[in-house]
Amino acid sequence: DRLIDLTNQLLDFRQTEIKGFSMHCVKTDITEILEDTFTSFKPLAEQKNCSFTIDLPATKLFACVDLDAFNKILTNLFSNAIKYAATNVVVQLLPVKETDQFFTIEIKNDGYLVPYEMKDKIFEPFFRLKETEKQKGTGIGLALSRSLVQLHKGVLDIKASENAMNVFYLVMPINQD
């Protein structure tokens, strides 16, 4: 299963690079997808003895996304956050006003702090930080995720660490052309 998943990620990444990935956006309950993804990763966090919390606004958020691509993005971000966390992972969907055109999700963990000067490098295919090389992985997940986000005309990046935590943020348009 791991080998098939990796092969599929490599093929998806290659398709996004050659602009062969076709998106099929549908209006989706982002809050529900986040809750479902969170629930599916809870056992992994518990296995690692990691505090894993989610913070969602009271109001549901609906946005147009390609479901398959969006799930791959979230899966990679949640997986990395838990894998590289020391003890704490927080996922937060920031509140959205009616006039907003974008929504933002932040994924924070307290693992090894990514040096800010490496913030672009970590999104390159197959790149691995020396300090985290012992963790299982290939270095393709963040590159694939960023490519899929860019196809949505969104942004995936990392902020300078705050409160001794890495903060990845995902900004996506609420509506697609």
Protein backbone atom coordinates (compact mmCIF):
# COMPACT_ATOMS: atom_id res chain seq x y z
CA ASP A 1 0.00 0.00 0.00
CA ARG A 2 2.85 2.37 0.87
CA LEU A 3 4.55 1.68 -2.47
CA ILE A 4 1.32 2.21 -4.43
CA ASP A 5 0.67 5.44 -2.51
CA LEU A 6 4.19 6.71 -3.23
CA THR A 7 3.92 5.79 -6.92
CA ASN A 8 0.59 7.60 -7.16
CA GLN A 9 2.07 10.68 -5.48
CA LEU A 10 4.99 10.70 -7.93
CA LEU A 11 2.61 10.36 -10.89
CA ASP A 12 0.36 13.12 -9.54
CA PHE A 13 3.38 15.36 -9.00
CA ARG A 14 4.59 14.71 -12.52
CA GLN A 15 1.13 15.50 -13.91
CA THR A 16 1.01 18.81 -12.04
CA GLU A 17 4.48 19.71 -13.34
CA ILE A 18 3.51 19.12 -16.97
CA LYS A 19 0.09 20.74 -16.48
CA GLY A 20 -1.64 17.42 -17.18
CA PHE A 21 -3.62 17.36 -13.95
CA SER A 22 -7.22 18.26 -14.62
CA MET A 23 -9.22 19.65 -11.75
CA HIS A 24 -12.91 19.13 -11.15
CA CYS A 25 -13.94 21.67 -8.55
CA VAL A 26 -17.15 21.27 -6.58
CA LYS A 27 -18.65 23.31 -3.76
CA THR A 28 -17.65 21.41 -0.64
CA ASP A 29 -18.02 21.68 3.12
CA ILE A 30 -14.39 22.44 4.06
CA THR A 31 -15.20 22.15 7.76
CA GLU A 32 -16.47 18.59 7.30
CA ILE A 33 -13.43 17.55 5.25
CA LEU A 34 -11.13 18.94 7.94
CA GLU A 35 -13.06 17.09 10.67
CA ASP A 36 -12.95 13.82 8.70
CA THR A 37 -9.24 14.14 7.97
CA PHE A 38 -8.55 15.05 11.60
CA THR A 39 -10.49 11.97 12.78
CA SER A 40 -8.57 9.69 10.42
CA PHE A 41 -5.20 10.96 11.75
CA LYS A 42 -6.14 10.89 15.43
CA PRO A 43 -4.94 7.26 15.93
CA LEU A 44 -1.54 8.10 14.40
CA ALA A 45 -1.16 11.05 16.79
CA GLU A 46 -2.21 8.88 19.75
CA GLN A 47 0.26 6.18 18.71
CA LYS A 48 3.01 8.81 18.83
CA ASN A 49 1.72 10.22 22.16
CA CYS A 50 1.16 13.53 20.47
CA SER A 51 -1.47 16.08 21.46
CA PHE A 52 -3.54 16.63 18.31
CA THR A 53 -6.21 19.33 18.30
CA ILE A 54 -8.37 21.08 15.75
CA ASP A 55 -9.90 24.53 16.01
CA LEU A 56 -12.85 25.19 13.71
CA PRO A 57 -15.12 28.23 13.59
CA ALA A 58 -18.77 27.73 14.59
CA THR A 59 -19.94 28.57 11.07
CA LYS A 60 -19.44 25.99 8.34
CA LEU A 61 -17.32 27.01 5.36
CA PHE A 62 -18.20 26.00 1.82
CA ALA A 63 -15.65 26.46 -0.96
CA CYS A 64 -14.99 25.14 -4.47
CA VAL A 65 -12.13 22.63 -4.47
CA ASP A 66 -11.09 19.53 -6.34
CA LEU A 67 -11.93 16.92 -3.69
CA ASP A 68 -9.19 14.46 -4.62
CA ALA A 69 -6.50 17.16 -4.75
CA PHE A 70 -7.70 18.84 -1.55
CA ASN A 71 -7.66 15.53 0.32
CA LYS A 72 -4.09 14.86 -0.89
CA ILE A 73 -3.02 18.30 0.30
CA LEU A 74 -4.54 17.83 3.76
CA THR A 75 -3.28 14.27 4.07
CA ASN A 76 0.29 15.34 3.35
CA LEU A 77 0.13 18.32 5.72
CA PHE A 78 -1.46 16.36 8.58
CA SER A 79 0.89 13.42 8.07
CA ASN A 80 4.00 15.63 8.09
CA ALA A 81 2.81 17.64 11.08
CA ILE A 82 2.38 14.50 13.17
CA LYS A 83 5.47 12.73 11.83
CA TYR A 84 7.78 15.65 12.64
CA ALA A 85 6.07 16.82 15.86
CA ALA A 86 7.66 16.42 19.26
CA THR A 87 4.46 16.46 21.33
CA ASN A 88 1.94 18.89 19.84
CA VAL A 89 0.02 19.47 16.59
CA VAL A 90 -2.69 22.09 16.10
CA VAL A 91 -4.89 22.47 13.02
CA GLN A 92 -6.88 25.67 12.71
CA LEU A 93 -9.34 26.91 10.12
CA LEU A 94 -9.25 30.69 10.50
CA PRO A 95 -12.63 32.46 10.63
CA VAL A 96 -13.92 33.75 7.29
CA LYS A 97 -16.06 36.84 6.78
CA GLU A 98 -18.80 36.96 4.17
CA THR A 99 -16.72 39.32 2.02
CA ASP A 100 -13.56 37.18 2.09
CA GLN A 101 -12.42 35.59 -1.15
CA PHE A 102 -9.97 33.16 0.46
CA PHE A 103 -9.88 30.81 3.44
CA THR A 104 -6.81 29.91 5.49
CA ILE A 105 -5.84 26.75 7.32
CA GLU A 106 -2.84 26.71 9.65
CA ILE A 107 -1.09 23.50 10.66
CA LYS A 108 1.34 23.91 13.56
CA ASN A 109 3.74 21.49 15.21
CA ASP A 110 6.45 21.70 17.83
CA GLY A 111 9.05 19.49 16.16
CA TYR A 112 12.41 20.54 14.79
CA LEU A 113 11.98 24.19 13.77
CA VAL A 114 12.50 24.64 10.05
CA PRO A 115 15.04 27.44 9.60
CA TYR A 116 13.31 30.35 7.89
CA GLU A 117 16.05 30.53 5.25
CA MET A 118 15.05 26.96 4.23
CA LYS A 119 11.37 27.86 3.78
CA ASP A 120 11.48 27.58 -0.02
CA LYS A 121 13.85 24.62 -0.11
CA ILE A 122 11.51 22.33 1.86
CA PHE A 123 8.96 22.53 -0.96
CA GLU A 124 11.43 21.24 -3.55
CA PRO A 125 10.93 17.65 -4.71
CA PHE A 126 12.93 15.04 -2.77
CA PHE A 127 14.49 17.61 -0.41
CA ARG A 128 14.95 16.43 3.17
CA LEU A 129 16.36 18.41 6.09
CA LYS A 130 19.44 16.73 7.56
CA GLU A 131 17.92 17.00 11.03
CA THR A 132 14.84 14.97 10.01
CA GLU A 133 16.41 12.46 7.59
CA LYS A 134 15.88 9.59 10.05
CA GLN A 135 12.11 9.94 9.63
CA LYS A 136 10.54 7.75 6.98
CA GLY A 137 9.65 9.68 3.81
CA THR A 138 10.70 10.69 0.32
CA GLY A 139 10.45 14.46 0.27
CA ILE A 140 7.73 14.50 -2.40
CA GLY A 141 4.66 15.31 -0.22
CA LEU A 142 5.20 19.05 0.26
CA ALA A 143 6.19 19.53 -3.39
CA LEU A 144 3.06 17.70 -4.56
CA SER A 145 0.88 19.60 -2.10
CA ARG A 146 2.24 22.97 -3.20
CA SER A 147 1.70 22.08 -6.87
CA LEU A 148 -1.91 21.07 -6.17
CA VAL A 149 -2.50 24.26 -4.17
CA GLN A 150 -1.08 26.36 -7.01
CA LEU A 151 -3.48 24.66 -9.44
CA HIS A 152 -6.26 25.92 -7.16
CA LYS A 153 -4.66 29.41 -7.41
CA GLY A 154 -3.80 29.22 -3.74
CA VAL A 155 -0.69 29.44 -1.57
CA LEU A 156 1.06 26.87 0.62
CA ASP A 157 3.97 28.19 2.64
CA ILE A 158 5.60 28.25 6.06
CA LYS A 159 5.80 31.25 8.39
CA ALA A 160 8.73 32.12 10.59
CA SER A 161 8.30 29.95 13.70
CA GLU A 162 6.06 31.37 16.38
CA ASN A 163 5.89 30.20 19.98
CA ALA A 164 8.47 27.48 19.19
CA MET A 165 6.20 25.97 16.54
CA ASN A 166 6.41 25.47 12.80
CA VAL A 167 3.40 27.10 11.13
CA PHE A 168 2.40 25.90 7.68
CA TYR A 169 -0.40 27.88 6.13
CA LEU A 170 -2.69 27.00 3.29
CA VAL A 171 -4.61 29.82 1.60
CA MET A 172 -7.24 28.78 -0.94
CA PRO A 173 -9.83 30.73 -2.93
CA ILE A 174 -13.41 30.17 -1.83
CA ASN A 175 -14.57 30.21 -5.45
CA GLN A 176 -12.83 28.95 -8.58
CA ASP A 177 -13.11 30.29 -12.14
